[in-house]
Structures are given as C-alpha cells and as structure tokens.
Amino acid sequence: MQAKYDLFASAFLEKITEYQLFYNEENIDASIETIDGYMKRAMTAFRRVSKYNLYESRNDAARTLEIDDSISAAELDEICDIISEGMVVQWLKTYLYKQELLENLLNTRDFTSYSPANLLKEVGAAYNKASENFTQMIREYSYNTGNLRNLHT
C-alpha cells in the first residue's frame, strides 16, 4: 500500500496557523521541499520505535511511502499524527534560530515586553512544548505497540 507525502503535509498544515507561507504560488516547489524535509526529519526521530520503517520506504520522486499492507487505517492515522507533530517541532526550530531575532537580541539594550528577546523566549517555549508533545506521542505509541526497548534514549 502507498501513502502520499501529502497525507503528512496536510496533517502538519492543519496544526499550524501560518500555512499560507508555504503556498506561495511563485515558490510552490520550494515550499513542498521544505515541508518534505520536516517530514523526513520527524520520521528519523520516530523510526527507532516504529514497527514500520517509513524512512526507508520513501520514494521521493513519486512523493510516496510504501507501507505494509497489515497497517490499519487507525494506526496510519496515529502515525501520521505523530509524524506531523514532529514536523511542527522542525518548523518551530526554524523560528528558534531565525537570524533576525538573534541579531536583534544581541544588538538591543531595551528589553520591553514586545522586545525580540521576549519573542525569542516565547518561540523557545513553544518549541520546547512541541518537542515534549512529540516525545510523549512517540512513547505512547511505543507502549501501545509493545516496542519498549528504545523509549528513554
């Protein structure tokens, strides 16, 4: 059975509010490439506990994954939710290390409530929360599927 990358991209875009940034008509290929990159990095983090080797089953040219026929629709939905949560973590990481925020942080002496320092702090907190959620989802999946060997690494 095949699953399209768009399944994961749609789940990711449903979780963020700035999805219009990714669908700029002039840069659609770059947007798709960026989202696919988030997906691949999230799959890398998830592959240690997943009983399906999604990362190795990729076909980047066709933008599909070869998935074991034994996977149920409910399990595919759960995996998609976990991977898309990891994609949110990857997306937030780009804001965490955004050059303009770091430059303003290093060059600003006035730290007001709307300062770049506070914005960077809030982005960092959002990233940490998303990362914790992703890790917890992976742990729950591992408990539910009985694969406990790599849980706390």
Foldseek 3Di string as FASTA:
>chain_A
DKDALVLLVVLLLVPDDVCVVLVDVVCVVVSVVLLVVLLLVLLVVLCVQDPWNQNVQADVVRRMGDTDPVDDPVNVVLVSNLSSLSSVLVVLVCVLVPPVLVVQVVPDPDDDCPGSVVVSVVSVVVSVVSVVVSLVSSLVVNVVVVNDPPNPD
